Each structure stands twice: as C-alpha cells, then as structure tokens.
Amino acid sequence: MVQVTTPLPPVVGATEIADRDDIVLCDVRWYLDGRSGHDAYLAGHIAAAIWVNLDKHLSAHGAPGSGRHPLPTAQSFAASLGSLGIGPDDPVVAYDDLNGTAAGRMVWMLRVLGHDAALLDGGLGSWTGAVETAPNVRTPCDYPVQAWPDGAFVDIDQAAAAGADPETVLIDARGADRFRGETEPVDPRPGHIPGAVNVPMTDNLGPDGRFANPQALRARYEAEGVGGAGEANNAVVYCGSGVSACMDALAMERAGLGRPRVYIGSWSQWSHTDRPAETA
C-alpha cells in the first residue's frame, strides 16, 4: 500500500485508488423512493468503507420551505465528520450505486472547504476489489469548524436573479421530464425556475455510469454558455433538493471550467413558494 500527497481530482477511477491505504472510503447510498441506504450498505460494500447518512451527516432539517436537504451549519458538518472518524487530513473517496447522485453531495461539500475528496467514477459497480458486509466504524476525532466559503452557493433570491441575468447560466440538473413539468414525483409544483436551461446530470455519464472525458464535458457546458477556470465560473446549478446538482458541479470542475455555485434549496424549496415556474 502507498500514500500519495497529490490532491485528488474531483472524479477518480477505482484502479487509481486500489493500492492506497490513506483514503477513507465513504458509502453514501440513499434512495429517493425511501429504501434504506444503510440496509444496502450492510448487504455489501467496498471493504473498509464506512456508511455516511445523507440526511443525518450531509443535510440540515427544517421547514419544508427550506428544501428537502438544506446545507448543515459549518459546526454541524464538522461534528458529523469528526463522529465518522474523518480527520482534516484524511483523503476521502465517496461512492453510491446511483451514478453518484448522493455521494457527489459529500464530495462537493468537502471540496469547497478545501478538503481532499473525490467521487468514485462508476460507483460501487466499478469496484473489482474486496467487498464485505460487516459494518466499519472509525475512531471519532476532532474536525475543526470551517465556515462555508462565500460564493459556494446561492439562496432563493440569488437563484431567481441568476435566471434573469444574461451573464449567468442557471442550470437545472434534473431529467428533462421534470424540467418541462411533465412529471413531478416529490415536490408540490412541476416546472423549473424561469430562465434556467436543462443540463441533466445523467447525460454527463456513459452507459457504464462513468463520467465522459473532460473534453466532452467542457464542450457540453460551453455550448450552454458556461465559462471560467480556476476557482469559479458563471454558472449556478440546482436540482430537486441540492443533491444531484453537485454532480454537475463536479463535472464542470473535471472539465476544467471551475466551480459553479449551487442553489441548495433547489426545486424542493422553490416549489413551496408562489414564485413563477416555467414548463416549456
């Protein structure tokens, strides 16, 4: 086994981490239909992986008007990481079995804080190494509180402004049917935020569930008007509840376009208001 000091890219393949013993593997399985991610973890997970609860560790809990998965406070997130045994210097690789829709949220949260973290490309299905059913628990530790950085995300007013700003690209990462308002399985109203363009998160992936190459991703987002490099770009991304949108954020970072801002409340918050919705 080896230790590597080079920072992880936003997305990493299974073969790239197979020989590393310094990485904390995190199973972040979660299902919109209510199935238990923890039960799935206990049925079989990557050897040494710990289970991370999206609702408990990566979200806050509040009124429906705040959205289904509000961002936890900086203090709460630090406490969660410490309780999981993840220290500030521990590289993290997270995965799930649904194309990274849940695991991407953890990776994005860590990366905006400067923590070394990556999404396992292809998720659990890409892993050819050892698996196990016994749960893993790491020794709790102290994780320093780090304030969420300015510019990492937007609130509902800023999301509305992004849709009306010709210099900003407001991206809806949900499937086309939900964007057009043809179906809405969980939220009060169908449709999308006025001014948004639809760039479904799943279209960033190939049939095997792995990300397209950086050049293809860059072309896809540039075609929608996204531009930037380094730390930030001119996009704001949202989805149903601020979870799968993080996959769009990781895809842009993989493409070398910088990092967009994420509207955490997303449609689950917007749809609880009387703000306008588009369905075309």
C-alpha atoms as a PDB file:
ATOM      1  CA  MET A   1       0.000   0.000   0.000  1.00  0.00           C
ATOM      2  CA  VAL A   2       1.088   3.548  -0.717  1.00  0.00           C
ATOM      3  CA  GLN A   3       0.304   7.046   0.407  1.00  0.00           C
ATOM      4  CA  VAL A   4       0.024   9.887  -2.106  1.00  0.00           C
ATOM      5  CA  THR A   5       0.298  13.592  -1.388  1.00  0.00           C
ATOM      6  CA  THR A   6      -1.021  14.832  -4.760  1.00  0.00           C
ATOM      7  CA  PRO A   7      -4.569  16.191  -4.279  1.00  0.00           C
ATOM      8  CA  LEU A   8      -7.370  14.048  -5.614  1.00  0.00           C
ATOM      9  CA  PRO A   9      -9.186  15.176  -8.762  1.00  0.00           C
ATOM     10  CA  PRO A  10     -12.968  15.633  -8.450  1.00  0.00           C
ATOM     11  CA  VAL A  11     -13.561  12.206 -10.025  1.00  0.00           C
ATOM     12  CA  VAL A  12     -11.255   9.201  -9.614  1.00  0.00           C
ATOM     13  CA  GLY A  13     -11.261   5.680 -11.028  1.00  0.00           C
ATOM     14  CA  ALA A  14     -11.167   2.522  -8.947  1.00  0.00           C
ATOM     15  CA  THR A  15      -7.764   1.497 -10.265  1.00  0.00           C
ATOM     16  CA  GLU A  16      -6.288   4.834  -9.211  1.00  0.00           C
ATOM     17  CA  ILE A  17      -7.028   4.221  -5.549  1.00  0.00           C
ATOM     18  CA  ALA A  18      -6.827   0.435  -5.317  1.00  0.00           C
ATOM     19  CA  ASP A  19      -3.342   0.469  -3.772  1.00  0.00           C
ATOM     20  CA  ARG A  20      -3.821   3.380  -1.391  1.00  0.00           C
ATOM     21  CA  ASP A  21      -4.248   2.856   2.320  1.00  0.00           C
ATOM     22  CA  ASP A  22      -4.611   6.519   3.303  1.00  0.00           C
ATOM     23  CA  ILE A  23      -8.076   7.063   1.821  1.00  0.00           C
ATOM     24  CA  VAL A  24     -11.314   6.983   3.813  1.00  0.00           C
ATOM     25  CA  LEU A  25     -13.901   5.245   1.634  1.00  0.00           C
ATOM     26  CA  CYS A  26     -17.443   6.510   2.221  1.00  0.00           C
ATOM     27  CA  ASP A  27     -20.577   4.676   1.144  1.00  0.00           C
ATOM     28  CA  VAL A  28     -23.275   7.350   0.690  1.00  0.00           C
ATOM     29  CA  ARG A  29     -26.113   5.259  -0.678  1.00  0.00           C
ATOM     30  CA  TRP A  30     -29.514   6.960  -0.453  1.00  0.00           C
ATOM     31  CA  TYR A  31     -32.733   6.415  -2.383  1.00  0.00           C
ATOM     32  CA  LEU A  32     -35.484   8.860  -3.295  1.00  0.00           C
ATOM     33  CA  ASP A  33     -38.055   6.054  -3.079  1.00  0.00           C
ATOM     34  CA  GLY A  34     -37.399   5.562   0.632  1.00  0.00           C
ATOM     35  CA  ARG A  35     -35.313   2.397   0.519  1.00  0.00           C
ATOM     36  CA  SER A  36     -32.693   2.172   3.247  1.00  0.00           C
ATOM     37  CA  GLY A  37     -29.189   3.110   2.203  1.00  0.00           C
ATOM     38  CA  HIS A  38     -27.878   1.551   5.385  1.00  0.00           C
ATOM     39  CA  ASP A  39     -29.524  -1.773   4.565  1.00  0.00           C
ATOM     40  CA  ALA A  40     -27.876  -1.648   1.152  1.00  0.00           C
ATOM     41  CA  TYR A  41     -24.535  -0.955   2.826  1.00  0.00           C
ATOM     42  CA  LEU A  42     -24.957  -3.952   5.124  1.00  0.00           C
ATOM     43  CA  ALA A  43     -25.835  -6.167   2.165  1.00  0.00           C
ATOM     44  CA  GLY A  44     -22.430  -5.471   0.654  1.00  0.00           C
ATOM     45  CA  HIS A  45     -19.973  -2.583   0.451  1.00  0.00           C
ATOM     46  CA  ILE A  46     -16.381  -1.878  -0.504  1.00  0.00           C
ATOM     47  CA  ALA A  47     -14.025  -3.324   2.085  1.00  0.00           C
ATOM     48  CA  ALA A  48     -13.157  -0.814   4.840  1.00  0.00           C
ATOM     49  CA  ALA A  49     -15.829   1.668   3.696  1.00  0.00           C
ATOM     50  CA  ILE A  50     -17.889   3.479   6.311  1.00  0.00           C
ATOM     51  CA  TRP A  51     -21.519   4.438   5.790  1.00  0.00           C
ATOM     52  CA  VAL A  52     -22.477   8.111   5.590  1.00  0.00           C
ATOM     53  CA  ASN A  53     -26.095   9.116   6.122  1.00  0.00           C
ATOM     54  CA  LEU A  54     -27.140  11.810   3.640  1.00  0.00           C
ATOM     55  CA  ASP A  55     -29.997  13.015   5.842  1.00  0.00           C
ATOM     56  CA  LYS A  56     -28.041  12.980   9.108  1.00  0.00           C
ATOM     57  CA  HIS A  57     -24.490  13.932   8.136  1.00  0.00           C
ATOM     58  CA  LEU A  58     -24.845  15.983   4.946  1.00  0.00           C
ATOM     59  CA  SER A  59     -28.117  17.863   5.469  1.00  0.00           C
ATOM     60  CA  ALA A  60     -29.931  20.024   7.969  1.00  0.00           C
ATOM     61  CA  HIS A  61     -33.555  19.612   8.969  1.00  0.00           C
ATOM     62  CA  GLY A  62     -36.065  22.414   8.867  1.00  0.00           C
ATOM     63  CA  ALA A  63     -39.388  23.559   7.499  1.00  0.00           C
ATOM     64  CA  PRO A  64     -40.418  22.325   4.032  1.00  0.00           C
ATOM     65  CA  GLY A  65     -39.885  25.840   2.755  1.00  0.00           C
ATOM     66  CA  SER A  66     -36.150  25.374   3.299  1.00  0.00           C
ATOM     67  CA  GLY A  67     -35.985  22.466   0.874  1.00  0.00           C
ATOM     68  CA  ARG A  68     -35.599  18.743   1.463  1.00  0.00           C
ATOM     69  CA  HIS A  69     -31.839  18.757   2.025  1.00  0.00           C
ATOM     70  CA  PRO A  70     -30.698  22.125   3.382  1.00  0.00           C
ATOM     71  CA  LEU A  71     -26.989  22.566   3.948  1.00  0.00           C
ATOM     72  CA  PRO A  72     -25.960  21.823   7.554  1.00  0.00           C
ATOM     73  CA  THR A  73     -24.249  24.523   9.541  1.00  0.00           C
ATOM     74  CA  ALA A  74     -20.472  24.535   9.464  1.00  0.00           C
ATOM     75  CA  GLN A  75     -20.488  23.441  13.095  1.00  0.00           C
ATOM     76  CA  SER A  76     -22.846  20.545  12.420  1.00  0.00           C
ATOM     77  CA  PHE A  77     -20.868  19.320   9.413  1.00  0.00           C
ATOM     78  CA  ALA A  78     -17.592  19.425  11.333  1.00  0.00           C
ATOM     79  CA  ALA A  79     -19.199  17.460  14.167  1.00  0.00           C
ATOM     80  CA  SER A  80     -20.512  14.879  11.694  1.00  0.00           C
ATOM     81  CA  LEU A  81     -17.122  14.407  10.089  1.00  0.00           C
ATOM     82  CA  GLY A  82     -15.498  14.004  13.484  1.00  0.00           C
ATOM     83  CA  SER A  83     -18.131  11.483  14.584  1.00  0.00           C
ATOM     84  CA  LEU A  84     -17.411   9.466  11.426  1.00  0.00           C
ATOM     85  CA  GLY A  85     -13.702   9.427  12.222  1.00  0.00           C
ATOM     86  CA  ILE A  86     -12.765  11.626   9.272  1.00  0.00           C
ATOM     87  CA  GLY A  87      -9.956  13.991  10.151  1.00  0.00           C
ATOM     88  CA  PRO A  88      -8.981  17.175   8.298  1.00  0.00           C
ATOM     89  CA  ASP A  89      -6.027  15.472   6.602  1.00  0.00           C
ATOM     90  CA  ASP A  90      -7.817  12.277   5.565  1.00  0.00           C
ATOM     91  CA  PRO A  91      -8.383  11.989   1.806  1.00  0.00           C
ATOM     92  CA  VAL A  92     -11.963  10.891   1.113  1.00  0.00           C
ATOM     93  CA  VAL A  93     -13.402   8.934  -1.804  1.00  0.00           C
ATOM     94  CA  ALA A  94     -17.186   8.632  -1.769  1.00  0.00           C
ATOM     95  CA  TYR A  95     -19.470   6.390  -3.792  1.00  0.00           C
ATOM     96  CA  ASP A  96     -23.030   5.146  -4.136  1.00  0.00           C
ATOM     97  CA  ASP A  97     -24.838   2.897  -6.614  1.00  0.00           C
ATOM     98  CA  LEU A  98     -26.857   5.574  -8.430  1.00  0.00           C
ATOM     99  CA  ASN A  99     -24.278   7.362 -10.563  1.00  0.00           C
ATOM    100  CA  GLY A 100     -23.006   9.472  -7.678  1.00  0.00           C
ATOM    101  CA  THR A 101     -26.250  11.348  -7.115  1.00  0.00           C
ATOM    102  CA  ALA A 102     -25.844  11.170  -3.327  1.00  0.00           C
ATOM    103  CA  ALA A 103     -22.092  10.696  -2.969  1.00  0.00           C
ATOM    104  CA  GLY A 104     -21.437  13.752  -5.121  1.00  0.00           C
ATOM    105  CA  ARG A 105     -23.029  15.925  -2.441  1.00  0.00           C
ATOM    106  CA  MET A 106     -20.430  14.828   0.127  1.00  0.00           C
ATOM    107  CA  VAL A 107     -17.556  15.292  -2.305  1.00  0.00           C
ATOM    108  CA  TRP A 108     -18.725  18.794  -3.265  1.00  0.00           C
ATOM    109  CA  MET A 109     -19.160  19.809   0.376  1.00  0.00           C
ATOM    110  CA  LEU A 110     -15.650  18.667   1.227  1.00  0.00           C
ATOM    111  CA  ARG A 111     -14.011  20.176  -1.839  1.00  0.00           C
ATOM    112  CA  VAL A 112     -15.496  23.651  -1.305  1.00  0.00           C
ATOM    113  CA  LEU A 113     -13.883  23.539   2.142  1.00  0.00           C
ATOM    114  CA  GLY A 114     -10.540  22.613   0.624  1.00  0.00           C
ATOM    115  CA  HIS A 115     -10.675  19.022   1.882  1.00  0.00           C
ATOM    116  CA  ASP A 116      -9.099  16.407  -0.390  1.00  0.00           C
ATOM    117  CA  ALA A 117     -12.050  14.420  -1.767  1.00  0.00           C
ATOM    118  CA  ALA A 118     -13.176  12.661  -4.935  1.00  0.00           C
ATOM    119  CA  LEU A 119     -16.130  10.765  -6.327  1.00  0.00           C
ATOM    120  CA  LEU A 120     -15.551   7.147  -7.334  1.00  0.00           C
ATOM    121  CA  ASP A 121     -16.195   7.074 -11.074  1.00  0.00           C
ATOM    122  CA  GLY A 122     -18.821   4.448 -11.846  1.00  0.00           C
ATOM    123  CA  GLY A 123     -19.699   3.990  -8.180  1.00  0.00           C
ATOM    124  CA  LEU A 124     -19.965   0.642  -6.476  1.00  0.00           C
ATOM    125  CA  GLY A 125     -20.432  -1.131  -9.798  1.00  0.00           C
ATOM    126  CA  SER A 126     -16.940  -0.104 -10.919  1.00  0.00           C
ATOM    127  CA  TRP A 127     -15.231  -1.723  -7.944  1.00  0.00           C
ATOM    128  CA  THR A 128     -13.476  -5.019  -8.606  1.00  0.00           C
ATOM    129  CA  GLY A 129     -11.642  -5.265  -5.291  1.00  0.00           C
ATOM    130  CA  ALA A 130     -12.744  -6.767  -1.991  1.00  0.00           C
ATOM    131  CA  VAL A 131     -16.259  -6.255  -0.663  1.00  0.00           C
ATOM    132  CA  GLU A 132     -17.727  -7.132   2.709  1.00  0.00           C
ATOM    133  CA  THR A 133     -20.927  -6.998   4.731  1.00  0.00           C
ATOM    134  CA  ALA A 134     -19.605  -6.231   8.228  1.00  0.00           C
ATOM    135  CA  PRO A 135     -20.002  -2.554   9.153  1.00  0.00           C
ATOM    136  CA  ASN A 136     -16.911  -0.422   9.670  1.00  0.00           C
ATOM    137  CA  VAL A 137     -16.615   2.233  12.370  1.00  0.00           C
ATOM    138  CA  ARG A 138     -13.662   4.588  12.663  1.00  0.00           C
ATOM    139  CA  THR A 139     -12.497   6.165  15.902  1.00  0.00           C
ATOM    140  CA  PRO A 140     -14.150   9.570  16.361  1.00  0.00           C
ATOM    141  CA  CYS A 141     -11.855  12.561  16.132  1.00  0.00           C
ATOM    142  CA  ASP A 142     -11.925  16.331  16.217  1.00  0.00           C
ATOM    143  CA  TYR A 143     -12.614  18.136  12.973  1.00  0.00           C
ATOM    144  CA  PRO A 144     -12.085  21.908  13.021  1.00  0.00           C
ATOM    145  CA  VAL A 145     -15.068  24.054  12.129  1.00  0.00           C
ATOM    146  CA  GLN A 146     -14.619  25.763   8.760  1.00  0.00           C
ATOM    147  CA  ALA A 147     -17.089  28.389   7.616  1.00  0.00           C
ATOM    148  CA  TRP A 148     -18.808  27.731   4.317  1.00  0.00           C
ATOM    149  CA  PRO A 149     -16.948  29.926   1.829  1.00  0.00           C
ATOM    150  CA  ASP A 150     -18.593  32.952   0.287  1.00  0.00           C
ATOM    151  CA  GLY A 151     -19.662  32.220  -3.254  1.00  0.00           C
ATOM    152  CA  ALA A 152     -20.014  28.443  -2.897  1.00  0.00           C
ATOM    153  CA  PHE A 153     -23.807  28.518  -3.048  1.00  0.00           C
ATOM    154  CA  VAL A 154     -26.768  30.850  -3.540  1.00  0.00           C
ATOM    155  CA  ASP A 155     -30.076  31.442  -1.814  1.00  0.00           C
ATOM    156  CA  ILE A 156     -33.514  31.579  -3.429  1.00  0.00           C
ATOM    157  CA  ASP A 157     -33.320  35.286  -4.288  1.00  0.00           C
ATOM    158  CA  GLN A 158     -29.922  34.851  -5.902  1.00  0.00           C
ATOM    159  CA  ALA A 159     -31.219  31.860  -7.854  1.00  0.00           C
ATOM    160  CA  ALA A 160     -34.071  33.990  -9.191  1.00  0.00           C
ATOM    161  CA  ALA A 161     -31.598  36.717 -10.127  1.00  0.00           C
ATOM    162  CA  ALA A 162     -29.372  34.177 -11.880  1.00  0.00           C
ATOM    163  CA  GLY A 163     -32.248  33.154 -14.138  1.00  0.00           C
ATOM    164  CA  ALA A 164     -32.792  36.756 -15.159  1.00  0.00           C
ATOM    165  CA  ASP A 165     -29.112  37.627 -15.649  1.00  0.00           C
ATOM    166  CA  PRO A 166     -27.841  37.117 -19.215  1.00  0.00           C
ATOM    167  CA  GLU A 167     -24.280  36.847 -17.889  1.00  0.00           C
ATOM    168  CA  THR A 168     -25.146  33.925 -15.601  1.00  0.00           C
ATOM    169  CA  VAL A 169     -26.097  30.405 -16.714  1.00  0.00           C
ATOM    170  CA  LEU A 170     -28.748  28.901 -14.432  1.00  0.00           C
ATOM    171  CA  ILE A 171     -28.654  25.125 -14.892  1.00  0.00           C
ATOM    172  CA  ASP A 172     -31.331  22.633 -13.867  1.00  0.00           C
ATOM    173  CA  ALA A 173     -29.665  19.225 -13.431  1.00  0.00           C
ATOM    174  CA  ARG A 174     -32.893  17.190 -13.252  1.00  0.00           C
ATOM    175  CA  GLY A 175     -34.232  14.996 -16.023  1.00  0.00           C
ATOM    176  CA  ALA A 176     -35.945  16.648 -18.972  1.00  0.00           C
ATOM    177  CA  ASP A 177     -39.421  15.449 -17.987  1.00  0.00           C
ATOM    178  CA  ARG A 178     -39.218  17.136 -14.588  1.00  0.00           C
ATOM    179  CA  PHE A 179     -37.677  20.260 -16.104  1.00  0.00           C
ATOM    180  CA  ARG A 180     -40.569  20.569 -18.555  1.00  0.00           C
ATOM    181  CA  GLY A 181     -43.107  19.912 -15.805  1.00  0.00           C
ATOM    182  CA  GLU A 182     -44.426  16.724 -17.369  1.00  0.00           C
ATOM    183  CA  THR A 183     -43.959  14.890 -14.082  1.00  0.00           C
ATOM    184  CA  GLU A 184     -43.161  15.845 -10.507  1.00  0.00           C
ATOM    185  CA  PRO A 185     -42.835  12.864  -8.156  1.00  0.00           C
ATOM    186  CA  VAL A 186     -42.000  14.581  -4.874  1.00  0.00           C
ATOM    187  CA  ASP A 187     -42.416  18.363  -4.861  1.00  0.00           C
ATOM    188  CA  PRO A 188     -45.595  20.499  -4.689  1.00  0.00           C
ATOM    189  CA  ARG A 189     -45.436  22.037  -8.174  1.00  0.00           C
ATOM    190  CA  PRO A 190     -43.990  20.987 -11.531  1.00  0.00           C
ATOM    191  CA  GLY A 191     -41.723  23.038 -13.753  1.00  0.00           C
ATOM    192  CA  HIS A 192     -38.457  24.914 -13.429  1.00  0.00           C
ATOM    193  CA  ILE A 193     -37.059  28.269 -12.370  1.00  0.00           C
ATOM    194  CA  PRO A 194     -37.597  30.920 -15.068  1.00  0.00           C
ATOM    195  CA  GLY A 195     -34.510  31.427 -17.191  1.00  0.00           C
ATOM    196  CA  ALA A 196     -32.979  28.026 -16.422  1.00  0.00           C
ATOM    197  CA  VAL A 197     -31.527  25.688 -19.031  1.00  0.00           C
ATOM    198  CA  ASN A 198     -31.716  21.921 -18.682  1.00  0.00           C
ATOM    199  CA  VAL A 199     -28.429  20.012 -18.473  1.00  0.00           C
ATOM    200  CA  PRO A 200     -29.426  16.664 -16.940  1.00  0.00           C
ATOM    201  CA  MET A 201     -26.780  15.289 -14.624  1.00  0.00           C
ATOM    202  CA  THR A 202     -27.168  11.790 -16.025  1.00  0.00           C
ATOM    203  CA  ASP A 203     -26.192  12.961 -19.512  1.00  0.00           C
ATOM    204  CA  ASN A 204     -22.660  13.542 -18.192  1.00  0.00           C
ATOM    205  CA  LEU A 205     -22.297   9.777 -17.895  1.00  0.00           C
ATOM    206  CA  GLY A 206     -21.788   6.947 -20.339  1.00  0.00           C
ATOM    207  CA  PRO A 207     -23.776   3.682 -20.395  1.00  0.00           C
ATOM    208  CA  ASP A 208     -21.380   2.236 -17.808  1.00  0.00           C
ATOM    209  CA  GLY A 209     -22.158   5.038 -15.346  1.00  0.00           C
ATOM    210  CA  ARG A 210     -18.727   6.623 -15.714  1.00  0.00           C
ATOM    211  CA  PHE A 211     -18.141  10.286 -16.496  1.00  0.00           C
ATOM    212  CA  ALA A 212     -17.497  11.441 -20.025  1.00  0.00           C
ATOM    213  CA  ASN A 213     -13.968  12.665 -20.651  1.00  0.00           C
ATOM    214  CA  PRO A 214     -13.090  16.243 -19.676  1.00  0.00           C
ATOM    215  CA  GLN A 215     -13.099  17.486 -23.280  1.00  0.00           C
ATOM    216  CA  ALA A 216     -16.632  16.215 -23.927  1.00  0.00           C
ATOM    217  CA  LEU A 217     -17.889  17.684 -20.662  1.00  0.00           C
ATOM    218  CA  ARG A 218     -16.282  21.026 -21.413  1.00  0.00           C
ATOM    219  CA  ALA A 219     -17.906  21.167 -24.846  1.00  0.00           C
ATOM    220  CA  ARG A 220     -21.298  20.343 -23.344  1.00  0.00           C
ATOM    221  CA  TYR A 221     -21.213  23.140 -20.785  1.00  0.00           C
ATOM    222  CA  GLU A 222     -19.581  25.693 -23.054  1.00  0.00           C
ATOM    223  CA  ALA A 223     -22.431  25.110 -25.508  1.00  0.00           C
ATOM    224  CA  GLU A 224     -24.763  26.405 -22.784  1.00  0.00           C
ATOM    225  CA  GLY A 225     -22.620  29.484 -22.196  1.00  0.00           C
ATOM    226  CA  VAL A 226     -20.614  28.311 -19.195  1.00  0.00           C
ATOM    227  CA  GLY A 227     -17.175  29.868 -18.985  1.00  0.00           C
ATOM    228  CA  GLY A 228     -14.481  30.109 -16.387  1.00  0.00           C
ATOM    229  CA  ALA A 229     -11.467  28.388 -14.948  1.00  0.00           C
ATOM    230  CA  GLY A 230      -9.679  28.054 -11.655  1.00  0.00           C
ATOM    231  CA  GLU A 231     -11.941  28.559  -8.671  1.00  0.00           C
ATOM    232  CA  ALA A 232     -15.225  29.728 -10.180  1.00  0.00           C
ATOM    233  CA  ASN A 233     -17.335  30.092 -13.303  1.00  0.00           C
ATOM    234  CA  ASN A 234     -20.512  31.925 -14.315  1.00  0.00           C
ATOM    235  CA  ALA A 235     -22.979  29.101 -13.625  1.00  0.00           C
ATOM    236  CA  VAL A 236     -25.488  28.364 -10.873  1.00  0.00           C
ATOM    237  CA  VAL A 237     -26.741  24.777 -10.655  1.00  0.00           C
ATOM    238  CA  TYR A 238     -29.792  23.294  -8.950  1.00  0.00           C
ATOM    239  CA  CYS A 239     -31.809  20.075  -8.964  1.00  0.00           C
ATOM    240  CA  GLY A 240     -34.623  18.666  -6.845  1.00  0.00           C
ATOM    241  CA  SER A 241     -33.095  19.220  -3.419  1.00  0.00           C
ATOM    242  CA  GLY A 242     -29.496  20.360  -3.892  1.00  0.00           C
ATOM    243  CA  VAL A 243     -28.018  16.858  -4.017  1.00  0.00           C
ATOM    244  CA  SER A 244     -27.606  15.672  -7.613  1.00  0.00           C
ATOM    245  CA  ALA A 245     -26.754  19.237  -8.695  1.00  0.00           C
ATOM    246  CA  CYS A 246     -23.409  18.661  -7.019  1.00  0.00           C
ATOM    247  CA  MET A 247     -22.702  16.142  -9.784  1.00  0.00           C
ATOM    248  CA  ASP A 248     -22.967  18.933 -12.353  1.00  0.00           C
ATOM    249  CA  ALA A 249     -20.575  20.946 -10.206  1.00  0.00           C
ATOM    250  CA  LEU A 250     -18.053  18.099 -10.139  1.00  0.00           C
ATOM    251  CA  ALA A 251     -18.442  17.589 -13.893  1.00  0.00           C
ATOM    252  CA  MET A 252     -17.597  21.239 -14.568  1.00  0.00           C
ATOM    253  CA  GLU A 253     -14.587  21.021 -12.301  1.00  0.00           C
ATOM    254  CA  ARG A 254     -13.496  17.849 -14.112  1.00  0.00           C
ATOM    255  CA  ALA A 255     -13.861  19.749 -17.385  1.00  0.00           C
ATOM    256  CA  GLY A 256     -11.522  22.487 -16.193  1.00  0.00           C
ATOM    257  CA  LEU A 257     -14.286  25.079 -16.135  1.00  0.00           C
ATOM    258  CA  GLY A 258     -14.011  25.989 -12.483  1.00  0.00           C
ATOM    259  CA  ARG A 259     -16.699  25.514  -9.892  1.00  0.00           C
ATOM    260  CA  PRO A 260     -20.287  26.802 -10.196  1.00  0.00           C
ATOM    261  CA  ARG A 261     -22.397  27.969  -7.306  1.00  0.00           C
ATOM    262  CA  VAL A 262     -25.054  25.556  -6.076  1.00  0.00           C
ATOM    263  CA  TYR A 263     -28.609  26.554  -5.168  1.00  0.00           C
ATOM    264  CA  ILE A 264     -29.031  24.210  -2.220  1.00  0.00           C
ATOM    265  CA  GLY A 265     -32.772  24.756  -1.709  1.00  0.00           C
ATOM    266  CA  SER A 266     -33.339  23.873  -5.364  1.00  0.00           C
ATOM    267  CA  TRP A 267     -36.786  22.976  -6.696  1.00  0.00           C
ATOM    268  CA  SER A 268     -37.861  21.494  -3.357  1.00  0.00           C
ATOM    269  CA  GLN A 269     -37.678  24.997  -1.889  1.00  0.00           C
ATOM    270  CA  TRP A 270     -38.807  26.998  -4.926  1.00  0.00           C
ATOM    271  CA  SER A 271     -41.912  24.858  -5.410  1.00  0.00           C
ATOM    272  CA  HIS A 272     -43.130  25.668  -1.890  1.00  0.00           C
ATOM    273  CA  THR A 273     -43.369  29.372  -2.778  1.00  0.00           C
ATOM    274  CA  ASP A 274     -45.609  31.386  -5.086  1.00  0.00           C
ATOM    275  CA  ARG A 275     -42.668  32.331  -7.295  1.00  0.00           C
ATOM    276  CA  PRO A 276     -43.263  31.760 -11.001  1.00  0.00           C
ATOM    277  CA  ALA A 277     -42.485  28.474 -12.683  1.00  0.00           C
ATOM    278  CA  GLU A 278     -41.903  27.693 -16.347  1.00  0.00           C
ATOM    279  CA  THR A 279     -42.929  24.456 -18.030  1.00  0.00           C
ATOM    280  CA  ALA A 280     -41.737  24.964 -21.598  1.00  0.00           C
END
